[in-house]
């Protein structure tokens, strides 16, 4: 019976992650398109979009220097399924599904209880946080599978010490897949090393070899991250430690106190940075973020429900209490995992951030499962309690799924750059007829969509692309082949095809098509100059 329940949960997780995967979210946002086209370029030429042979540490993309893990994972799906939405999102959806099973094994090892493991597995299968990030090409979601496997393998060293090697490899894969894991893996390793210190000492030889292997594999990434401008770019772009406000506040307060000794100590800029960091750290546990509205970015949350369910607001505190009160064997691991997860994301300006903090999963689900099991054992009217719990959980989950699958694609289509695919389809019949094709920059990074949906030959793009890199090392493609990407108000010669914002159209043109969103609003106007 329990095996049947597990299979049912796994099938539910698979269905929720793969159903209408190509159509919801309603379009590929530009990072998804970039991941997909770079994987296609690797498939066709063994080079990234700009011609670098099999990049090891990064893909430049738009100047965000993406980790390579997801792109290489996407090569096989694109080879089999073609260059489309399903193939591009396939690694994330598959990783999300496999993470469900990994969490089942993890929960069994932690709690030694089948029911708790099934509860945790079910909670993650229907998690708004996990489902949202499993249905788009988010590198972080694939990295979550790797880091979860790393923890799972580490837990197995008691009986199978050699699995620590697989743990090391899994953690390295996580860091090569998502930037945020580079600030999570060191902290979770400290937790694991302390939790299993006796086993580590007993099996120090295999542990040393695993550590040495991990270090060797990590060195290229470390060199790129620490010694190159490109490697530091992303961190410098988002970190609070490049923010001038704490310094300005420090100077202002000290100036108001005539730069006295006391003022210089109390209002030292380092205290301001510490205060800002702690504020961002505790943002991770903001009740509105967790239980009410979720992430403010509509790509990361449907905005109608928190990252967790309302019932988690009761179960999570209760679960933490029970872990400590009952002195559960792995309480340090579970609670430590929960507490170290925001340490890296807290360095960023935007907090709380569901994507950067995805590695906090599945701690909430493990804790809630432990709490629900403990609560069920304590109550007197067990049948009534089970029925009431089932009803509440079902209603909340049904509401979330309804909002996600029915309303979300319409309400937030603009956040997913809806309209680009339709614009490319409208342009295709004129590719060989028009002398030039001019595309607006209004929706951002249009070139990648015209590469992707035209399945443009990567080798030809590498030869014809005009690329600009600004002072911040961001990369802009201004043209390739007959495509030009600009919003300059110039006079277009005859027989120029354009894809423009409807409020900035050239004179004397023949309308080809207005590209409309799901609500009937014009996103692009496609026309041909006379």
Protein backbone atom coordinates (compact mmCIF):
# COMPACT_ATOMS: atom_id res chain seq x y z
CA UNK A 1 0.00 0.00 0.00
CA UNK A 2 2.78 2.44 0.93
CA UNK A 3 4.58 1.68 -2.33
CA UNK A 4 1.37 2.41 -4.22
CA UNK A 5 1.06 5.75 -2.39
CA UNK A 6 4.66 6.61 -3.28
CA UNK A 7 4.08 5.77 -6.94
CA UNK A 8 0.91 7.87 -6.92
CA UNK A 9 2.76 10.85 -5.44
CA UNK A 10 5.54 10.46 -8.00
CA UNK A 11 3.03 10.31 -10.87
CA UNK A 12 1.26 13.38 -9.48
CA UNK A 13 4.56 15.24 -9.33
CA UNK A 14 5.35 14.21 -12.91
CA UNK A 15 1.91 15.28 -14.15
CA UNK A 16 2.01 18.65 -12.40
CA UNK A 17 5.45 19.41 -13.83
CA UNK A 18 4.97 18.17 -17.39
CA UNK A 19 1.32 18.98 -18.13
CA UNK A 20 1.20 21.75 -20.78
CA UNK A 21 4.85 22.46 -20.09
CA UNK A 22 5.30 24.16 -23.47
CA UNK A 23 2.29 26.44 -22.96
CA UNK A 24 2.47 27.41 -19.29
CA UNK A 25 4.37 29.62 -18.56
CA UNK A 26 2.96 31.16 -21.74
CA UNK A 27 6.26 32.02 -23.40
CA UNK A 28 9.98 31.59 -23.00
CA UNK A 29 11.54 34.47 -21.13
CA UNK A 30 14.91 35.60 -22.44
CA UNK A 31 17.10 33.55 -20.09
CA UNK A 32 15.24 30.39 -21.14
CA UNK A 33 15.71 31.32 -24.79
CA UNK A 34 19.42 31.91 -24.21
CA UNK A 35 19.88 28.57 -22.46
CA UNK A 36 18.06 26.79 -25.27
CA UNK A 37 19.91 28.42 -28.14
CA UNK A 38 23.30 27.92 -26.52
CA UNK A 39 22.48 24.22 -26.07
CA UNK A 40 21.43 24.12 -29.74
CA UNK A 41 24.71 25.80 -30.69
CA UNK A 42 26.66 23.19 -28.69
CA UNK A 43 24.69 20.45 -30.43
CA UNK A 44 25.39 21.81 -33.91
CA UNK A 45 28.89 23.27 -33.59
CA UNK A 46 30.31 22.20 -30.19
CA UNK A 47 30.65 25.94 -29.53
CA UNK A 48 28.59 28.49 -27.63
CA UNK A 49 26.65 31.18 -29.49
CA UNK A 50 29.75 33.40 -29.74
CA UNK A 51 32.08 30.63 -30.91
CA UNK A 52 33.89 29.43 -27.78
CA UNK A 53 34.63 25.70 -27.97
CA UNK A 54 32.85 23.65 -25.27
CA UNK A 55 32.97 26.25 -22.48
CA UNK A 56 33.83 24.78 -19.10
CA UNK A 57 33.07 27.52 -16.58
CA UNK A 58 30.61 29.91 -18.24
CA UNK A 59 28.55 30.91 -21.25
CA UNK A 60 28.70 34.71 -21.78
CA UNK A 61 25.08 34.94 -23.04
CA UNK A 62 23.87 38.52 -22.30
CA UNK A 63 26.89 39.28 -20.16
CA UNK A 64 25.58 37.41 -17.13
CA UNK A 65 28.05 34.56 -17.76
CA UNK A 66 25.75 31.64 -17.14
CA UNK A 67 27.03 28.46 -15.48
CA UNK A 68 27.33 25.60 -18.00
CA UNK A 69 25.38 22.84 -16.22
CA UNK A 70 21.87 23.48 -17.53
CA UNK A 71 23.01 24.18 -21.08
CA UNK A 72 24.85 20.86 -21.38
CA UNK A 73 21.91 19.07 -19.76
CA UNK A 74 19.65 20.56 -22.43
CA UNK A 75 21.63 19.31 -25.42
CA UNK A 76 20.09 15.80 -25.40
CA UNK A 77 16.43 16.95 -25.06
CA UNK A 78 16.92 19.40 -27.95
CA UNK A 79 18.54 16.68 -30.05
CA UNK A 80 15.52 14.42 -29.47
CA UNK A 81 12.61 16.87 -29.23
CA UNK A 82 13.87 19.75 -31.37
CA UNK A 83 14.53 23.36 -30.45
CA UNK A 84 11.26 24.24 -28.72
CA UNK A 85 9.72 25.15 -25.38
CA UNK A 86 9.26 21.55 -24.24
CA UNK A 87 12.88 20.61 -24.89
CA UNK A 88 14.25 23.76 -23.27
CA UNK A 89 12.20 23.26 -20.10
CA UNK A 90 12.59 19.48 -20.02
CA UNK A 91 15.73 19.32 -17.80
CA UNK A 92 14.10 21.51 -15.15
CA UNK A 93 10.82 19.58 -15.14
CA UNK A 94 12.64 16.24 -15.02
CA UNK A 95 14.95 17.47 -12.26
CA UNK A 96 11.93 18.67 -10.30
CA UNK A 97 10.31 15.25 -10.60
CA UNK A 98 13.47 13.37 -9.64
CA UNK A 99 14.00 15.66 -6.65
CA UNK A 100 10.68 14.37 -5.30
CA UNK A 101 12.04 10.83 -5.18
CA UNK A 102 15.37 12.00 -3.74
CA UNK A 103 13.48 13.73 -0.93
CA UNK A 104 11.59 10.52 -0.19
CA UNK A 105 14.88 8.68 0.29
CA UNK A 106 16.30 11.59 2.27
CA UNK A 107 13.29 11.75 4.61
CA UNK A 108 13.46 7.98 5.20
CA UNK A 109 17.11 8.26 6.21
CA UNK A 110 16.49 11.23 8.48
CA UNK A 111 13.31 10.10 10.24
CA UNK A 112 13.40 6.30 9.79
CA UNK A 113 9.64 6.52 9.27
CA UNK A 114 7.75 5.69 6.08
CA UNK A 115 4.75 7.90 6.83
CA UNK A 116 6.85 10.99 7.48
CA UNK A 117 8.77 10.31 4.27
CA UNK A 118 5.52 10.07 2.30
CA UNK A 119 4.19 13.27 3.86
CA UNK A 120 7.40 15.13 2.97
CA UNK A 121 7.36 13.74 -0.56
CA UNK A 122 3.74 14.80 -1.08
CA UNK A 123 4.33 18.28 0.33
CA UNK A 124 7.20 18.87 -2.09
CA UNK A 125 5.24 17.40 -5.01
CA UNK A 126 2.55 20.07 -4.59
CA UNK A 127 4.80 22.85 -3.27
CA UNK A 128 4.06 26.22 -4.95
CA UNK A 129 7.73 27.14 -4.57
CA UNK A 130 9.06 23.97 -6.15
CA UNK A 131 6.40 23.60 -8.83
CA UNK A 132 6.81 27.20 -10.02
CA UNK A 133 10.53 26.75 -10.53
CA UNK A 134 10.22 23.25 -12.02
CA UNK A 135 8.08 24.42 -14.93
CA UNK A 136 10.54 26.85 -16.49
CA UNK A 137 14.16 26.53 -17.51
CA UNK A 138 15.57 27.64 -14.18
CA UNK A 139 19.16 26.53 -13.63
CA UNK A 140 18.57 26.72 -9.88
CA UNK A 141 16.02 23.91 -10.04
CA UNK A 142 18.44 21.50 -11.71
CA UNK A 143 21.10 22.54 -9.20
CA UNK A 144 18.67 21.76 -6.37
CA UNK A 145 18.52 18.14 -7.53
CA UNK A 146 22.31 17.92 -7.43
CA UNK A 147 22.68 19.49 -3.98
CA UNK A 148 19.86 17.31 -2.60
CA UNK A 149 21.65 14.25 -3.96
CA UNK A 150 24.86 15.53 -2.40
CA UNK A 151 23.19 15.65 1.01
CA UNK A 152 21.50 12.28 0.46
CA UNK A 153 24.79 10.58 -0.45
CA UNK A 154 26.50 12.20 2.53
CA UNK A 155 23.82 10.75 4.83
CA UNK A 156 24.67 7.32 3.46
CA UNK A 157 28.32 7.37 4.55
CA UNK A 158 27.44 5.58 7.80
CA UNK A 159 26.88 2.31 5.93
CA UNK A 160 28.53 3.05 2.58
CA UNK A 161 31.53 5.37 3.09
CA UNK A 162 32.43 5.38 -0.62
CA UNK A 163 29.25 7.35 -1.38
CA UNK A 164 30.99 10.45 -0.08
CA UNK A 165 32.71 10.55 -3.47
CA UNK A 166 29.32 10.76 -5.21
CA UNK A 167 28.35 13.42 -2.69
CA UNK A 168 31.37 15.51 -3.67
CA UNK A 169 30.61 15.12 -7.38
CA UNK A 170 26.96 16.08 -6.81
CA UNK A 171 27.91 19.25 -4.96
CA UNK A 172 30.38 20.18 -7.70
CA UNK A 173 27.67 19.70 -10.34
CA UNK A 174 25.38 21.96 -8.31
CA UNK A 175 27.99 24.73 -8.30
CA UNK A 176 28.58 24.35 -12.05
CA UNK A 177 24.83 24.67 -12.62
CA UNK A 178 23.71 27.63 -10.51
CA UNK A 179 25.71 30.52 -9.12
CA UNK A 180 23.80 30.58 -5.82
CA UNK A 181 25.01 27.09 -4.95
CA UNK A 182 28.57 28.41 -4.68
CA UNK A 183 27.52 30.26 -1.53
CA UNK A 184 25.37 27.41 -0.21
CA UNK A 185 27.54 24.31 -0.65
CA UNK A 186 30.35 25.45 1.70
CA UNK A 187 27.85 26.15 4.50
CA UNK A 188 25.90 22.90 4.12
CA UNK A 189 29.20 21.01 4.02
CA UNK A 190 30.12 22.49 7.40
CA UNK A 191 26.77 21.30 8.77
CA UNK A 192 27.29 17.81 7.32
CA UNK A 193 30.88 17.56 8.52
CA UNK A 194 29.81 18.40 12.05
CA UNK A 195 26.78 16.08 11.98
CA UNK A 196 28.88 13.16 10.73
CA UNK A 197 32.20 14.03 12.34
CA UNK A 198 32.66 10.57 13.84
CA UNK A 199 32.08 8.80 10.52
CA UNK A 200 34.37 11.29 8.78
CA UNK A 201 37.18 10.60 11.25
CA UNK A 202 36.68 6.83 10.95
CA UNK A 203 36.74 6.98 7.13
CA UNK A 204 39.22 9.81 6.78
CA UNK A 205 41.04 8.32 3.78
CA UNK A 206 38.01 8.15 1.49
CA UNK A 207 36.87 11.53 2.84
CA UNK A 208 40.24 13.05 1.98
CA UNK A 209 40.11 11.59 -1.54
CA UNK A 210 36.57 12.90 -2.04
CA UNK A 211 37.62 16.35 -0.84
CA UNK A 212 40.68 16.34 -3.10
CA UNK A 213 38.58 15.28 -6.10
CA UNK A 214 36.04 17.99 -5.35
CA UNK A 215 38.76 20.62 -5.04
CA UNK A 216 40.37 19.62 -8.35
CA UNK A 217 37.02 19.75 -10.15
CA UNK A 218 36.16 23.08 -8.53
CA UNK A 219 39.46 24.82 -9.35
CA UNK A 220 38.52 26.00 -12.89
CA UNK A 221 35.30 27.51 -11.55
CA UNK A 222 37.11 29.07 -8.60
CA UNK A 223 39.70 30.61 -10.91
CA UNK A 224 37.00 32.08 -13.15
CA UNK A 225 34.95 33.39 -10.23
CA UNK A 226 37.80 34.88 -8.22
CA UNK A 227 40.32 36.00 -10.83
CA UNK A 228 38.34 37.36 -13.78
CA UNK A 229 36.28 40.51 -14.18
CA UNK A 230 33.53 38.48 -15.83
CA UNK A 231 33.45 36.07 -12.92
CA UNK A 232 33.06 38.87 -10.39
CA UNK A 233 30.55 40.77 -12.49
CA UNK A 234 27.37 39.06 -11.37
CA UNK A 235 28.26 39.24 -7.69
CA UNK A 236 29.22 42.91 -7.96
CA UNK A 237 26.00 43.64 -9.82
CA UNK A 238 23.68 42.32 -7.11
CA UNK A 239 25.61 42.51 -3.83
CA UNK A 240 24.72 44.90 -1.03
CA UNK A 241 28.43 45.35 -0.32
CA UNK A 242 28.75 47.56 -3.41
CA UNK A 243 25.89 49.74 -2.17
CA UNK A 244 26.95 53.30 -1.30
CA UNK A 245 23.99 54.06 0.98
CA UNK A 246 25.51 52.52 4.16
CA UNK A 247 28.66 54.57 3.57
CA UNK A 248 26.65 57.76 2.99
CA UNK A 249 24.60 57.11 6.14
CA UNK A 250 27.77 56.48 8.14
CA UNK A 251 29.30 59.77 7.01
CA UNK A 252 26.08 61.70 7.67
CA UNK A 253 25.65 60.40 11.22
CA UNK A 254 29.29 60.98 12.08
CA UNK A 255 29.17 64.47 10.62
CA UNK A 256 26.09 65.32 12.72
CA UNK A 257 28.11 64.36 15.82
CA UNK A 258 31.20 66.33 14.68
CA UNK A 259 33.13 63.12 13.97
CA UNK A 260 33.57 62.43 17.66
CA UNK A 261 35.29 59.27 18.84
CA UNK A 262 31.97 57.79 19.97
CA UNK A 263 30.34 58.65 16.64
CA UNK A 264 33.22 57.10 14.70
CA UNK A 265 32.76 53.86 16.65
CA UNK A 266 28.96 53.68 16.76
CA UNK A 267 28.42 54.84 13.19
CA UNK A 268 31.22 52.88 11.59
CA UNK A 269 30.17 51.92 8.06
CA UNK A 270 30.79 48.25 8.84
CA UNK A 271 27.94 48.29 11.36
CA UNK A 272 25.64 49.68 8.67
CA UNK A 273 26.61 46.85 6.30
CA UNK A 274 26.07 44.29 9.08
CA UNK A 275 22.64 45.76 9.79
CA UNK A 276 21.73 45.66 6.10
CA UNK A 277 22.98 42.08 5.79
CA UNK A 278 20.97 40.92 8.81
CA UNK A 279 17.88 42.68 7.47
CA UNK A 280 18.25 40.79 4.20
CA UNK A 281 18.92 37.53 6.03
CA UNK A 282 15.72 37.74 8.06
CA UNK A 283 13.77 38.73 4.93
CA UNK A 284 14.04 35.05 4.06
CA UNK A 285 11.65 34.26 6.90
CA UNK A 286 9.21 37.08 6.16
CA UNK A 287 5.68 35.67 6.79
CA UNK A 288 4.26 37.50 3.78
CA UNK A 289 6.88 35.92 1.53
CA UNK A 290 6.43 32.47 3.01
CA UNK A 291 2.67 32.26 3.53
CA UNK A 292 0.79 35.13 1.88
CA UNK A 293 2.14 36.60 -1.38
CA UNK A 294 5.36 34.81 -2.22
CA UNK A 295 8.14 36.38 -4.26
CA UNK A 296 7.28 39.82 -5.67
CA UNK A 297 8.64 38.74 -9.08
CA UNK A 298 5.69 37.21 -10.99
CA UNK A 299 8.03 34.84 -12.80
CA UNK A 300 8.84 33.26 -9.44
CA UNK A 301 5.39 33.28 -7.83
CA UNK A 302 1.75 33.50 -8.87
CA UNK A 303 1.31 36.41 -6.40
CA UNK A 304 -1.89 34.89 -4.97
CA UNK A 305 -0.32 32.53 -2.46
CA UNK A 306 2.90 32.30 -0.49
CA UNK A 307 5.90 30.13 -1.26
CA UNK A 308 4.42 27.76 1.31
CA UNK A 309 0.81 26.97 2.18
CA UNK A 310 -1.11 28.50 5.07
CA UNK A 311 -1.02 25.19 6.94
CA UNK A 312 2.78 25.37 6.91
CA UNK A 313 2.52 28.46 9.13
CA UNK A 314 1.36 26.09 11.89
CA UNK A 315 3.37 23.01 10.97
CA UNK A 316 6.82 24.58 10.52
CA UNK A 317 7.12 26.15 14.01
CA UNK A 318 5.59 23.03 15.55
CA UNK A 319 7.98 20.81 13.61
CA UNK A 320 11.03 22.77 14.77
CA UNK A 321 9.80 22.53 18.36
CA UNK A 322 9.26 18.77 18.08
CA UNK A 323 12.66 18.22 16.46
CA UNK A 324 14.33 19.92 19.42
CA UNK A 325 12.00 18.62 22.15
CA UNK A 326 12.29 15.00 21.05
CA UNK A 327 16.02 15.38 20.34
CA UNK A 328 15.61 13.88 16.89
CA UNK A 329 18.94 12.46 15.70
CA UNK A 330 19.32 14.73 12.66
CA UNK A 331 17.77 17.86 14.15
CA UNK A 332 21.05 19.75 13.77
CA UNK A 333 21.20 18.88 10.07
CA UNK A 334 17.60 19.85 9.27
CA UNK A 335 17.50 23.07 11.29
CA UNK A 336 21.07 23.95 10.31
CA UNK A 337 20.17 23.46 6.63
CA UNK A 338 17.22 25.81 7.13
CA UNK A 339 19.30 28.49 8.84
CA UNK A 340 22.34 28.50 6.53
CA UNK A 341 20.29 28.62 3.32
CA UNK A 342 19.72 32.41 3.39
CA UNK A 343 23.37 33.23 4.23
CA UNK A 344 24.36 33.54 0.57
CA UNK A 345 21.19 35.17 -0.81
CA UNK A 346 21.31 37.75 2.01
CA UNK A 347 24.30 39.37 0.29
CA UNK A 348 22.04 40.42 -2.62
CA UNK A 349 20.04 43.63 -2.87
CA UNK A 350 16.77 41.87 -3.75
CA UNK A 351 15.46 39.84 -0.82
CA UNK A 352 13.66 37.62 -0.22
CA UNK A 353 14.32 35.87 -3.52
CA UNK A 354 12.70 32.49 -4.19
CA UNK A 355 15.11 31.51 -6.97
CA UNK A 356 18.35 32.32 -5.17
CA UNK A 357 17.06 30.57 -2.06
CA UNK A 358 15.61 27.44 -3.66
CA UNK A 359 18.21 25.30 -1.84
CA UNK A 360 16.24 25.85 1.39
CA UNK A 361 13.90 23.23 -0.04
CA UNK A 362 12.98 20.62 1.10
CA UNK A 363 13.64 21.65 4.72
CA UNK A 364 10.18 23.17 5.12
CA UNK A 365 8.54 20.05 3.74
CA UNK A 366 10.61 17.78 6.00
CA UNK A 367 9.74 19.86 9.06
CA UNK A 368 6.03 20.08 8.16
CA UNK A 369 5.87 16.33 7.59
CA UNK A 370 7.47 15.64 10.96
CA UNK A 371 5.03 18.05 12.63
CA UNK A 372 1.94 16.58 10.96
CA UNK A 373 2.94 13.07 11.97
CA UNK A 374 3.62 14.18 15.53
CA UNK A 375 0.37 16.12 15.72
CA UNK A 376 -1.63 13.16 14.42
CA UNK A 377 -0.24 11.01 17.23
CA UNK A 378 -1.14 13.56 19.91
CA UNK A 379 -4.78 14.35 19.09
CA UNK A 380 -7.63 12.36 20.63
CA UNK A 381 -10.13 12.33 17.76
CA UNK A 382 -7.88 10.90 15.11
CA UNK A 383 -10.49 10.25 12.40
CA UNK A 384 -11.91 13.75 12.71
CA UNK A 385 -8.41 15.22 12.74
CA UNK A 386 -7.36 13.31 9.63
CA UNK A 387 -10.54 14.28 7.77
CA UNK A 388 -10.18 17.94 8.71
CA UNK A 389 -6.50 18.02 7.75
CA UNK A 390 -7.19 16.32 4.44
CA UNK A 391 -9.97 18.81 3.65
CA UNK A 392 -7.88 21.89 4.49
CA UNK A 393 -4.85 20.63 2.58
CA UNK A 394 -6.95 19.64 -0.45
CA UNK A 395 -8.76 23.01 -0.62
CA UNK A 396 -5.54 25.04 -0.39
CA UNK A 397 -3.74 22.89 -2.95
CA UNK A 398 -6.71 22.93 -5.34
CA UNK A 399 -6.90 26.73 -5.10
CA UNK A 400 -3.20 27.08 -5.91
CA UNK A 401 -3.33 24.68 -8.85
CA UNK A 402 -6.43 26.41 -10.22
CA UNK A 403 -4.77 29.84 -10.02
CA UNK A 404 -1.56 28.54 -11.59
CA UNK A 405 -2.97 26.58 -14.51
CA UNK A 406 -6.00 28.77 -15.33
CA UNK A 407 -5.30 32.37 -14.38
CA UNK A 408 -1.53 32.75 -14.11
CA UNK A 409 -0.71 32.39 -17.86
CA UNK A 410 -3.12 35.20 -18.71
CA UNK A 411 -2.42 37.54 -15.81
CA UNK A 412 1.37 37.53 -16.12
CA UNK A 413 2.04 36.81 -19.80
CA UNK A 414 4.00 40.05 -20.15
CA UNK A 415 6.51 38.86 -17.56
CA UNK A 416 7.38 36.02 -19.92
CA UNK A 417 7.94 38.24 -23.01
CA UNK A 418 4.78 36.99 -24.68
CA UNK A 419 4.62 38.02 -28.33
CA UNK A 420 8.15 37.31 -29.51
CA UNK A 421 7.35 33.87 -30.90
CA UNK A 422 4.30 35.21 -32.73
CA UNK A 423 6.39 38.06 -34.16
CA UNK A 424 9.02 35.65 -35.47
CA UNK A 425 6.32 33.51 -37.09
CA UNK A 426 4.92 36.62 -38.81
CA UNK A 427 8.36 37.53 -40.12
CA UNK A 428 9.30 34.08 -41.46
CA UNK A 429 7.46 34.29 -44.83
CA UNK A 430 9.38 37.51 -45.64
CA UNK A 431 12.88 36.38 -44.68
CA UNK A 432 13.96 35.97 -48.30
CA UNK A 433 11.89 38.88 -49.62
CA UNK A 434 12.91 41.77 -47.37
CA UNK A 435 16.26 43.51 -47.80
CA UNK A 436 16.60 44.28 -44.10
CA UNK A 437 14.70 43.41 -40.93
CA UNK A 438 14.60 45.94 -38.07
CA UNK A 439 13.39 44.84 -34.64
CA UNK A 440 12.58 47.02 -31.63
CA UNK A 441 14.38 46.66 -28.32
CA UNK A 442 11.22 47.55 -26.38
CA UNK A 443 10.69 44.10 -24.83
CA UNK A 444 14.40 43.47 -24.35
CA UNK A 445 16.97 41.15 -25.94
CA UNK A 446 15.08 40.41 -29.17
CA UNK A 447 18.00 38.85 -31.03
CA UNK A 448 17.87 35.62 -29.05
CA UNK A 449 14.25 34.98 -30.05
CA UNK A 450 14.96 35.45 -33.75
CA UNK A 451 17.84 33.01 -33.44
CA UNK A 452 15.80 30.51 -31.46
CA UNK A 453 12.51 30.41 -33.35
CA UNK A 454 14.20 30.56 -36.76
CA UNK A 455 16.61 27.82 -35.65
CA UNK A 456 19.25 30.07 -37.15
CA UNK A 457 22.49 28.30 -38.03
CA UNK A 458 24.86 28.93 -35.08
CA UNK A 459 27.91 28.84 -37.35
CA UNK A 460 26.42 31.56 -39.55
CA UNK A 461 25.50 33.65 -36.50
CA UNK A 462 29.05 33.40 -35.18
CA UNK A 463 30.31 34.82 -38.49
CA UNK A 464 27.77 37.61 -39.00
CA UNK A 465 26.95 38.82 -35.48
CA UNK A 466 27.82 42.40 -34.55
CA UNK A 467 28.41 42.35 -30.80
CA UNK A 468 28.97 45.22 -28.39
CA UNK A 469 30.22 44.90 -24.81
CA UNK A 470 29.56 47.86 -22.53
CA UNK A 471 31.69 49.07 -19.62
CA UNK A 472 29.86 46.71 -17.28
CA UNK A 473 30.70 43.76 -19.59
CA UNK A 474 27.07 43.29 -20.62
CA UNK A 475 26.76 41.98 -24.15
CA UNK A 476 24.45 43.45 -26.79
CA UNK A 477 23.93 41.95 -30.23
CA UNK A 478 23.14 44.86 -32.54
CA UNK A 479 22.76 42.81 -35.72
CA UNK A 480 23.31 39.51 -37.48
CA UNK A 481 22.69 38.52 -41.09
CA UNK A 482 19.93 40.91 -42.28
CA UNK A 483 18.50 41.47 -38.77
CA UNK A 484 19.10 44.79 -36.99
CA UNK A 485 18.03 45.53 -33.41
CA UNK A 486 17.48 49.20 -32.69
CA UNK A 487 14.97 51.83 -31.60
CA UNK A 488 16.62 54.67 -33.49
CA UNK A 489 14.13 56.96 -35.21
CA UNK A 490 15.55 56.84 -38.74
CA UNK A 491 14.14 56.74 -42.24
CA UNK A 492 14.00 53.14 -43.40
CA UNK A 493 14.68 52.39 -47.06
CA UNK A 494 11.97 50.65 -49.09
CA UNK A 495 11.48 46.91 -48.64
CA UNK A 496 12.57 47.00 -45.00
CA UNK A 497 10.62 44.65 -42.78
CA UNK A 498 10.12 45.95 -39.26
CA UNK A 499 8.87 44.67 -35.92
CA UNK A 500 8.12 47.78 -33.91
CA UNK A 501 6.26 49.11 -30.93
CA UNK A 502 2.82 50.24 -32.24
CA UNK A 503 3.46 53.76 -30.93
CA UNK A 504 6.69 54.18 -32.94
CA UNK A 505 5.90 53.24 -36.53
CA UNK A 506 7.64 54.55 -39.66
CA UNK A 507 5.66 56.37 -42.37
CA UNK A 508 4.61 54.73 -45.62
CA UNK A 509 4.40 51.07 -44.81
CA UNK A 510 2.22 48.08 -45.57
CA UNK A 511 0.81 46.40 -42.49
CA UNK A 512 1.56 42.69 -42.30
CA UNK A 513 0.24 41.85 -38.84
CA UNK A 514 -0.42 43.25 -35.40
CA UNK A 515 0.90 40.86 -32.77
CA UNK A 516 -1.55 40.80 -29.87
CA UNK A 517 -1.31 39.40 -26.37
CA UNK A 518 -3.95 37.13 -24.81
CA UNK A 519 -6.04 40.17 -23.85
CA UNK A 520 -6.09 41.60 -27.37
CA UNK A 521 -3.55 44.37 -26.75
CA UNK A 522 -1.06 45.03 -29.54
CA UNK A 523 2.47 44.10 -28.51
CA UNK A 524 4.23 44.47 -31.87
CA UNK A 525 3.34 45.77 -35.30
CA UNK A 526 4.95 43.95 -38.22
CA UNK A 527 5.11 45.87 -41.48
CA UNK A 528 7.02 46.40 -44.73
CA UNK A 529 8.15 49.85 -45.85
CA UNK A 530 7.04 51.03 -49.28
